[in-house]
Amino acid sequence: MGAAGGRPVCAEIRASSAAGFRTRRDLLTRRHFLDALGKPSHNGATLVENAKEAGMIKSISINRFKGFLNFEVQGLSRVTLIGGQNSIGKTSLLEAVFLFFGRNLADVFIRLLSWRGVPGVSLLGDDMVAPFFMDYDASREMEIGLKFDTGMERLRLSFDSAGRSKVLRDQHPRRGNGVSYMPTDHRVAAGFAVEMKYKSPHKSDGTAHLLAGTETPIEILPGPGFSEERHCIFLQTCRSIDPAEDALHWGDLDRVGKAECAVEFLKEFFPSLRGLSLIPLAGGQPIIYADVGLARKTPAGCVGDGFSRLLSIFLAIASCENGVVLVDEIGGGLYYSAQAKVWRGVEEAARHYNCQVIATTHSYEIIKAANEGLQGSLVEPEFSYVRLEKGDKGIEAKTYPFSVLGAALERGWEVR
């Protein structure tokens, strides 16, 4: 299920009405990139109210992103679990969704590469973006479409190896006969551009250019209509994370008097838990400590793998109200007898905070636990299971609503 002892990598997108995306960076896996780029980290800002209006993702369509060609998956629910064989594209599907929401982030491709363990990448040529285009062919446009309650929204990305010079030239004012004017002391950096076009049925279309080169390594020039109001968090439960990420989420909840909800959630699995608190370290950075009845409070990460993973998942959902949480390899580090209860808690938390959760697994036990945990709910579970498989035309998706999944498991059908 993942690296032993690992805690989930967390990357977060928050919306800001004034300045577009602000980020909380996962410092452990991306520090080498950030040091090279000289980019500061940013704290999150508050959600924009109309994020709730778009509703949940109902379907996803992807064309020419990694291995997806004319791919579509329908029937997504408030909680959706994605299964399939290794290397079928489960994590890639989550990455496509993150790219859609993270289109305003200058380092969005750097993030995706770092999560895959790539230690560095050239900013010349197409090394940074080609891995995300089908067959490394960055000359052909890719498209990611998400259908919400309000309609289909699409993001189209195209690569231009000479685009940086072209875009920077177009930023300068035009004079006289319309020829672009450029000061003689201006230096045009070598590099490339990725053009991103966003189209929505309920707000203005927008275009942005992501630029990379030798002078200013990575920057993004967003045009009008390219803003994003929804909040998205990506969790990798098989990798390590700076505990400061959980502390930031805890602080968000504590400020509005909702932090105790996390304690109540965890008590279902760890009855000895008495409370959680933020305690600053010597350097001033606070982390979460747990009171589990010992002589002293214990750092949350030292209580146990399952404890820290559940804490991260719940804090992500609770701090992502009206947004989307993406969890890669959910269930890792959790004892099998607790997994059914975990799914019941995840579905209830997602419903309470109006959050959509899309998770992946390759474990049959996780799929069975989800079905068992949601049986007997007081309300109809908002859950679906999607199986990815290779078809004649590439990767295909088969969606099992909750009731159908139960019948399939009873009959012993292969659903992994």
Protein backbone atom coordinates (compact mmCIF):
# COMPACT_ATOMS: atom_id res chain seq x y z
CA MET A 1 0.00 0.00 0.00
CA GLY A 2 2.96 2.36 0.09
CA ALA A 3 6.27 3.04 1.76
CA ALA A 4 6.44 1.83 5.29
CA GLY A 5 6.28 4.59 7.82
CA GLY A 6 5.32 7.14 5.21
CA ARG A 7 2.95 10.02 5.88
CA PRO A 8 0.88 11.53 3.11
CA VAL A 9 2.27 14.16 0.83
CA CYS A 10 -0.15 17.06 0.77
CA ALA A 11 -0.40 19.69 -1.91
CA GLU A 12 -3.09 22.29 -1.64
CA ILE A 13 -4.73 24.83 -3.87
CA ARG A 14 -6.73 27.59 -2.28
CA ALA A 15 -8.66 30.28 -4.04
CA SER A 16 -8.06 33.97 -3.53
CA SER A 17 -10.38 36.64 -4.84
CA ALA A 18 -7.52 39.09 -5.11
CA ALA A 19 -4.51 37.20 -6.36
CA GLY A 20 -5.61 33.89 -7.84
CA PHE A 21 -4.04 30.78 -6.35
CA ARG A 22 -2.07 30.84 -3.15
CA THR A 23 -0.31 27.64 -2.15
CA ARG A 24 0.90 25.67 0.83
CA ARG A 25 3.90 23.83 -0.46
CA ASP A 26 4.91 20.33 0.47
CA LEU A 27 8.46 21.25 1.47
CA LEU A 28 9.90 17.77 1.85
CA THR A 29 9.44 16.52 -1.69
CA ARG A 30 9.74 19.85 -3.51
CA ARG A 31 12.38 21.79 -1.58
CA HIS A 32 15.09 21.11 -4.17
CA PHE A 33 12.84 22.52 -6.89
CA LEU A 34 11.88 25.59 -4.89
CA ASP A 35 15.48 26.32 -3.94
CA ALA A 36 16.49 26.15 -7.59
CA LEU A 37 13.65 28.39 -8.66
CA GLY A 38 14.01 30.86 -5.81
CA LYS A 39 10.23 30.83 -5.35
CA PRO A 40 8.70 31.78 -1.98
CA SER A 41 5.97 29.68 -0.43
CA HIS A 42 2.55 31.16 0.24
CA ASN A 43 -0.15 30.57 2.78
CA GLY A 44 -3.71 29.87 1.74
CA ALA A 45 -6.42 32.48 1.43
CA THR A 46 -10.15 32.15 2.02
CA LEU A 47 -12.54 30.45 -0.34
CA VAL A 48 -14.64 32.46 -2.73
CA GLU A 49 -18.33 32.01 -1.98
CA ASN A 50 -19.46 31.05 -5.46
CA ALA A 51 -17.28 27.92 -5.39
CA LYS A 52 -20.31 26.15 -3.95
CA GLU A 53 -22.44 27.03 -6.95
CA ALA A 54 -20.50 24.81 -9.37
CA GLY A 55 -21.29 21.70 -7.33
CA MET A 56 -19.57 18.35 -7.65
CA ILE A 57 -17.69 16.81 -10.53
CA LYS A 58 -20.12 14.53 -12.39
CA SER A 59 -17.83 13.29 -15.14
CA ILE A 60 -14.27 13.67 -16.42
CA SER A 61 -13.08 13.65 -20.03
CA ILE A 62 -9.39 13.57 -20.95
CA ASN A 63 -7.67 13.58 -24.32
CA ARG A 64 -3.92 13.20 -24.84
CA PHE A 65 -2.93 13.61 -21.19
CA LYS A 66 -0.39 10.86 -20.54
CA GLY A 67 -2.05 7.56 -21.56
CA PHE A 68 -5.59 8.90 -21.89
CA LEU A 69 -7.00 9.18 -25.40
CA ASN A 70 -10.64 10.25 -25.78
CA PHE A 71 -11.20 8.98 -22.25
CA GLU A 72 -14.39 9.62 -20.30
CA VAL A 73 -15.66 8.50 -16.92
CA GLN A 74 -19.20 9.24 -15.79
CA GLY A 75 -21.21 8.67 -12.64
CA LEU A 76 -18.81 10.23 -10.11
CA SER A 77 -20.26 10.71 -6.62
CA ARG A 78 -19.45 12.69 -3.52
CA VAL A 79 -17.00 9.89 -2.71
CA THR A 80 -15.52 7.99 -5.65
CA LEU A 81 -13.00 5.16 -5.39
CA ILE A 82 -10.91 4.35 -8.47
CA GLY A 83 -9.36 0.91 -8.93
CA GLY A 84 -7.52 -1.01 -11.58
CA GLN A 85 -4.25 -2.81 -12.26
CA ASN A 86 -0.88 -1.23 -11.57
CA SER A 87 0.17 1.43 -14.11
CA ILE A 88 -3.33 1.59 -15.61
CA GLY A 89 -3.60 5.33 -14.93
CA LYS A 90 -5.26 5.72 -11.52
CA THR A 91 -2.79 8.30 -10.22
CA SER A 92 -2.62 9.96 -13.63
CA LEU A 93 -6.37 10.53 -13.47
CA LEU A 94 -5.97 12.38 -10.16
CA GLU A 95 -3.08 14.36 -11.65
CA ALA A 96 -5.26 15.49 -14.55
CA VAL A 97 -7.87 16.78 -12.11
CA PHE A 98 -5.18 18.56 -10.07
CA LEU A 99 -3.78 20.14 -13.23
CA PHE A 100 -7.23 21.45 -14.10
CA PHE A 101 -7.65 23.15 -10.72
CA GLY A 102 -3.98 24.13 -10.54
CA ARG A 103 -3.82 25.83 -13.91
CA ASN A 104 -2.90 29.14 -12.26
CA LEU A 105 0.13 27.67 -10.49
CA ALA A 106 3.45 28.42 -12.17
CA ASP A 107 4.95 25.26 -10.65
CA VAL A 108 2.07 22.88 -11.33
CA PHE A 109 4.15 20.64 -13.64
CA ILE A 110 7.07 20.75 -11.19
CA ARG A 111 4.75 19.54 -8.44
CA LEU A 112 3.48 16.64 -10.51
CA LEU A 113 7.01 15.59 -11.44
CA SER A 114 8.25 15.80 -7.85
CA TRP A 115 5.43 13.52 -6.66
CA ARG A 116 6.70 10.95 -9.15
CA GLY A 117 10.18 11.13 -7.62
CA VAL A 118 11.83 13.18 -10.39
CA PRO A 119 14.68 15.04 -8.62
CA GLY A 120 15.18 17.75 -11.25
CA VAL A 121 14.30 18.78 -14.77
CA SER A 122 15.68 21.02 -17.49
CA LEU A 123 13.89 24.29 -18.12
CA LEU A 124 15.01 24.25 -21.75
CA GLY A 125 13.32 22.13 -24.37
CA ASP A 126 10.17 20.26 -23.43
CA ASP A 127 11.51 18.10 -20.58
CA MET A 128 9.23 19.70 -17.99
CA VAL A 129 5.95 19.26 -19.85
CA ALA A 130 6.42 16.49 -22.43
CA PRO A 131 5.84 13.66 -19.87
CA PHE A 132 2.25 14.88 -19.51
CA PHE A 133 1.45 14.77 -23.22
CA MET A 134 0.56 11.43 -24.80
CA ASP A 135 3.63 9.62 -26.13
CA TYR A 136 5.73 12.66 -25.12
CA ASP A 137 4.31 14.42 -28.17
CA ALA A 138 3.98 18.00 -26.91
CA SER A 139 3.25 19.23 -30.42
CA ARG A 140 -0.37 18.07 -30.11
CA GLU A 141 -2.91 19.72 -27.84
CA MET A 142 -4.20 18.01 -24.70
CA GLU A 143 -7.61 18.62 -23.14
CA ILE A 144 -9.07 18.03 -19.67
CA GLY A 145 -12.80 18.50 -19.15
CA LEU A 146 -14.72 18.39 -15.88
CA LYS A 147 -18.51 18.38 -15.89
CA PHE A 148 -20.05 20.03 -12.85
CA ASP A 149 -23.68 20.62 -11.87
CA THR A 150 -23.41 23.88 -13.81
CA GLY A 151 -22.04 22.31 -16.98
CA MET A 152 -18.80 21.22 -18.66
CA GLU A 153 -15.61 23.21 -18.13
CA ARG A 154 -12.60 22.55 -20.36
CA LEU A 155 -8.88 23.23 -20.19
CA ARG A 156 -6.79 22.96 -23.36
CA LEU A 157 -3.00 23.00 -23.22
CA SER A 158 -0.58 23.39 -26.10
CA PHE A 159 3.23 23.63 -26.17
CA ASP A 160 5.30 26.10 -28.16
CA SER A 161 9.08 25.70 -28.04
CA ALA A 162 9.54 29.31 -29.24
CA GLY A 163 6.56 30.65 -27.38
CA ARG A 164 8.40 32.45 -24.60
CA SER A 165 9.93 35.04 -26.91
CA LYS A 166 6.64 35.41 -28.75
CA VAL A 167 4.55 35.92 -25.61
CA LEU A 168 6.99 38.32 -23.97
CA ARG A 169 7.16 40.36 -27.16
CA ASP A 170 3.38 40.64 -27.20
CA GLN A 171 3.35 42.04 -23.67
CA HIS A 172 5.04 45.26 -24.83
CA PRO A 173 2.92 48.17 -26.13
CA ARG A 174 2.51 48.59 -29.88
CA ARG A 175 3.48 51.82 -31.54
CA GLY A 176 3.18 53.41 -34.95
CA ASN A 177 2.38 50.86 -37.64
CA GLY A 178 1.55 48.15 -35.12
CA VAL A 179 5.04 46.65 -34.75
CA SER A 180 5.79 45.66 -31.16
CA TYR A 181 8.08 48.08 -29.37
CA MET A 182 10.84 46.67 -27.15
CA PRO A 183 13.47 48.64 -25.19
CA THR A 184 17.03 47.99 -26.36
CA ASP A 185 18.10 46.98 -22.86
CA HIS A 186 15.45 44.28 -22.64
CA ARG A 187 16.69 40.68 -22.69
CA VAL A 188 14.39 37.97 -23.99
CA ALA A 189 15.00 34.72 -22.16
CA ALA A 190 15.38 31.51 -24.09
CA GLY A 191 12.75 28.96 -23.24
CA PHE A 192 9.25 27.79 -24.04
CA ALA A 193 5.61 28.56 -23.35
CA VAL A 194 2.56 26.45 -22.57
CA GLU A 195 -0.67 28.10 -23.64
CA MET A 196 -3.67 27.19 -21.51
CA LYS A 197 -7.19 27.99 -22.66
CA TYR A 198 -10.06 27.68 -20.20
CA LYS A 199 -13.68 27.52 -21.32
CA SER A 200 -16.74 27.57 -19.05
CA PRO A 201 -20.49 27.85 -19.75
CA HIS A 202 -21.15 30.12 -16.77
CA LYS A 203 -18.23 32.56 -16.74
CA SER A 204 -15.85 34.28 -19.12
CA ASP A 205 -13.34 32.18 -21.04
CA GLY A 206 -9.70 32.76 -20.20
CA THR A 207 -6.19 32.21 -21.53
CA ALA A 208 -2.85 32.05 -19.70
CA HIS A 209 0.74 31.38 -20.66
CA LEU A 210 3.13 29.39 -18.51
CA LEU A 211 6.65 30.49 -19.36
CA ALA A 212 9.97 28.81 -18.59
CA GLY A 213 13.46 29.80 -19.58
CA THR A 214 16.90 30.90 -18.47
CA GLU A 215 16.26 34.40 -17.07
CA THR A 216 13.09 33.99 -14.98
CA PRO A 217 12.84 30.18 -14.71
CA ILE A 218 9.06 29.76 -14.38
CA GLU A 219 6.25 32.29 -14.40
CA ILE A 220 2.62 32.39 -15.44
CA LEU A 221 0.85 35.22 -17.21
CA PRO A 222 -2.88 34.74 -16.59
CA GLY A 223 -5.36 36.66 -18.70
CA PRO A 224 -8.89 37.78 -17.77
CA GLY A 225 -11.30 34.98 -16.90
CA PHE A 226 -8.57 32.55 -15.81
CA SER A 227 -9.31 32.64 -12.07
CA GLU A 228 -10.35 29.60 -10.03
CA GLU A 229 -12.64 29.74 -7.00
CA ARG A 230 -12.56 26.11 -5.92
CA HIS A 231 -10.28 24.58 -3.35
CA CYS A 232 -8.36 21.37 -4.15
CA ILE A 233 -6.02 19.23 -2.05
CA PHE A 234 -3.90 16.32 -3.29
CA LEU A 235 -2.80 13.72 -0.72
CA GLN A 236 -0.28 10.97 -1.35
CA THR A 237 -0.67 8.62 1.58
CA CYS A 238 2.45 6.62 0.68
CA ARG A 239 4.90 9.53 0.92
CA SER A 240 6.18 11.77 3.67
CA ILE A 241 4.90 15.22 4.51
CA ASP A 242 6.02 18.14 6.60
CA PRO A 243 3.84 18.00 9.76
CA ALA A 244 3.38 21.75 9.29
CA GLU A 245 0.82 20.94 6.60
CA ASP A 246 -1.50 19.26 9.09
CA ALA A 247 -0.81 22.06 11.57
CA LEU A 248 -1.96 24.65 9.05
CA HIS A 249 -5.18 22.74 8.41
CA TRP A 250 -5.73 22.30 12.13
CA GLY A 251 -5.20 26.02 12.65
CA ASP A 252 -7.80 26.83 10.00
CA LEU A 253 -10.36 24.71 11.81
CA ASP A 254 -9.40 25.89 15.27
CA ARG A 255 -9.90 29.53 14.32
CA VAL A 256 -13.54 28.84 13.52
CA GLY A 257 -14.14 26.54 16.48
CA LYS A 258 -14.27 23.28 14.52
CA ALA A 259 -11.02 21.60 15.54
CA GLU A 260 -12.68 19.28 18.06
CA CYS A 261 -14.45 17.54 15.15
CA ALA A 262 -11.09 15.98 14.27
CA VAL A 263 -10.75 14.64 17.81
CA GLU A 264 -14.20 13.06 17.72
CA PHE A 265 -13.47 11.49 14.33
CA LEU A 266 -10.21 9.93 15.52
CA LYS A 267 -11.69 8.67 18.79
CA GLU A 268 -13.73 6.19 16.74
CA PHE A 269 -10.46 4.44 15.90
CA PHE A 270 -8.24 5.43 18.83
CA PRO A 271 -10.38 5.46 22.01
CA SER A 272 -7.38 6.45 24.14
CA LEU A 273 -7.19 9.83 22.41
CA ARG A 274 -8.10 12.65 24.79
CA GLY A 275 -7.30 15.65 22.65
CA LEU A 276 -5.09 17.35 20.07
CA SER A 277 -3.18 20.58 20.39
CA LEU A 278 -0.68 22.73 18.52
CA ILE A 279 2.69 23.05 20.26
CA PRO A 280 5.51 25.18 18.81
CA LEU A 281 8.92 23.60 18.33
CA ALA A 282 12.17 25.34 19.22
CA GLY A 283 12.25 27.01 15.82
CA GLY A 284 8.76 28.40 16.29
CA GLN A 285 6.95 26.08 13.88
CA PRO A 286 3.97 24.44 15.62
CA ILE A 287 3.03 20.81 15.02
CA ILE A 288 0.10 18.73 16.25
CA TYR A 289 0.55 16.79 19.47
CA ALA A 290 -1.83 14.11 20.73
CA ASP A 291 -2.86 13.39 24.30
CA VAL A 292 -3.23 9.61 24.45
CA GLY A 293 -3.00 9.21 28.22
CA LEU A 294 0.80 9.06 28.52
CA ALA A 295 2.92 11.16 30.87
CA ARG A 296 3.43 13.69 28.06
CA LYS A 297 1.68 14.64 24.88
CA THR A 298 3.08 12.92 21.80
CA PRO A 299 3.73 14.28 18.28
CA ALA A 300 0.90 13.01 16.08
CA GLY A 301 3.34 11.27 13.76
CA CYS A 302 4.70 9.23 16.69
CA VAL A 303 1.32 7.85 17.72
CA GLY A 304 1.29 5.58 14.69
CA ASP A 305 1.07 5.40 10.92
CA GLY A 306 -2.66 4.85 10.82
CA PHE A 307 -3.29 7.70 13.25
CA SER A 308 -1.32 10.25 11.24
CA ARG A 309 -2.84 9.13 7.94
CA LEU A 310 -6.39 9.40 9.24
CA LEU A 311 -5.63 12.77 10.78
CA SER A 312 -4.31 14.08 7.46
CA ILE A 313 -7.31 12.79 5.51
CA PHE A 314 -9.88 14.23 7.90
CA LEU A 315 -8.13 17.61 8.16
CA ALA A 316 -7.95 17.80 4.37
CA ILE A 317 -11.69 17.15 4.01
CA ALA A 318 -12.66 19.51 6.82
CA SER A 319 -10.53 22.36 5.47
CA CYS A 320 -11.70 21.80 1.87
CA GLU A 321 -15.34 22.79 2.25
CA ASN A 322 -17.07 23.10 -1.15
CA GLY A 323 -13.88 21.75 -2.75
CA VAL A 324 -12.21 18.53 -3.91
CA VAL A 325 -9.79 16.22 -2.08
CA LEU A 326 -7.74 13.79 -4.17
CA VAL A 327 -6.24 10.85 -2.25
CA ASP A 328 -3.74 8.55 -3.93
CA GLU A 329 -3.67 5.02 -2.45
CA ILE A 330 -6.17 5.55 0.35
CA GLY A 331 -6.16 3.04 3.18
CA GLY A 332 -2.43 2.50 3.43
CA GLY A 333 -1.18 1.85 6.97
CA LEU A 334 -4.65 1.05 8.32
CA TYR A 335 -5.47 -2.25 9.97
CA TYR A 336 -7.98 -4.19 7.87
CA SER A 337 -10.62 -4.38 10.61
CA ALA A 338 -10.74 -0.58 10.84
CA GLN A 339 -11.07 0.11 7.12
CA ALA A 340 -14.86 -0.28 6.92
CA LYS A 341 -15.28 2.26 9.71
CA VAL A 342 -12.86 4.60 7.92
CA TRP A 343 -15.05 4.64 4.81
CA ARG A 344 -18.13 5.41 6.85
CA GLY A 345 -16.27 8.30 8.47
CA VAL A 346 -14.90 9.62 5.16
CA GLU A 347 -18.35 9.60 3.53
CA GLU A 348 -19.97 11.31 6.51
CA ALA A 349 -17.21 13.95 6.70
CA ALA A 350 -17.42 14.62 2.96
CA ARG A 351 -21.17 15.06 3.22
CA HIS A 352 -20.90 17.31 6.30
CA TYR A 353 -18.32 19.63 4.72
CA ASN A 354 -19.84 19.46 1.23
CA CYS A 355 -16.53 18.15 -0.07
CA GLN A 356 -15.94 15.73 -2.93
CA VAL A 357 -13.38 12.97 -2.39
CA ILE A 358 -11.78 11.05 -5.27
CA ALA A 359 -9.40 8.30 -4.14
CA THR A 360 -7.44 5.46 -5.72
CA THR A 361 -6.59 1.93 -4.62
CA HIS A 362 -5.31 -1.34 -6.06
CA SER A 363 -6.48 -3.32 -3.03
CA TYR A 364 -9.48 -5.64 -3.17
CA GLU A 365 -9.72 -5.39 0.63
CA ILE A 366 -10.17 -1.61 0.41
CA ILE A 367 -12.99 -2.02 -2.12
CA LYS A 368 -14.74 -4.58 0.08
CA ALA A 369 -14.26 -2.39 3.15
CA ALA A 370 -15.86 0.57 1.40
CA ASN A 371 -18.90 -1.53 0.52
CA GLU A 372 -19.16 -3.01 4.02
CA GLY A 373 -18.63 0.28 5.80
CA LEU A 374 -21.39 2.08 3.92
CA GLN A 375 -23.96 -0.70 4.25
CA GLY A 376 -26.77 0.18 6.62
CA SER A 377 -26.26 3.94 6.39
CA LEU A 378 -29.22 6.02 7.50
CA VAL A 379 -29.17 7.77 4.12
CA GLU A 380 -28.28 6.42 0.69
CA PRO A 381 -24.46 6.54 0.46
CA GLU A 382 -23.11 9.01 -2.08
CA PHE A 383 -20.47 6.58 -3.28
CA SER A 384 -19.38 5.04 -6.56
CA TYR A 385 -16.56 2.80 -7.67
CA VAL A 386 -14.73 3.20 -10.97
CA ARG A 387 -12.60 0.47 -12.47
CA LEU A 388 -10.01 1.46 -15.09
CA GLU A 389 -9.08 -1.19 -17.65
CA LYS A 390 -7.42 -1.52 -21.02
CA GLY A 391 -9.83 -1.67 -23.92
CA ASP A 392 -9.55 -1.79 -27.68
CA LYS A 393 -9.35 2.00 -27.81
CA GLY A 394 -7.11 2.56 -24.80
CA ILE A 395 -7.96 3.16 -21.15
CA GLU A 396 -11.65 2.72 -20.41
CA ALA A 397 -13.72 3.28 -17.27
CA LYS A 398 -16.52 1.19 -15.85
CA THR A 399 -18.58 2.82 -13.09
CA TYR A 400 -20.32 0.84 -10.36
CA PRO A 401 -22.94 2.74 -8.35
CA PHE A 402 -23.00 1.71 -4.69
CA SER A 403 -25.85 -0.78 -5.10
CA VAL A 404 -24.27 -2.41 -8.15
CA LEU A 405 -20.87 -2.70 -6.45
CA GLY A 406 -22.41 -4.68 -3.59
CA ALA A 407 -24.07 -7.10 -6.00
CA ALA A 408 -20.81 -7.53 -7.95
CA LEU A 409 -18.85 -8.33 -4.80
CA GLU A 410 -21.48 -10.84 -3.65
CA ARG A 411 -21.19 -12.65 -6.98
CA GLY A 412 -17.41 -12.67 -6.85
CA TRP A 413 -16.94 -10.56 -9.96
CA GLU A 414 -13.49 -9.16 -10.62
CA VAL A 415 -13.80 -5.45 -9.88
CA ARG A 416 -10.19 -4.52 -9.07
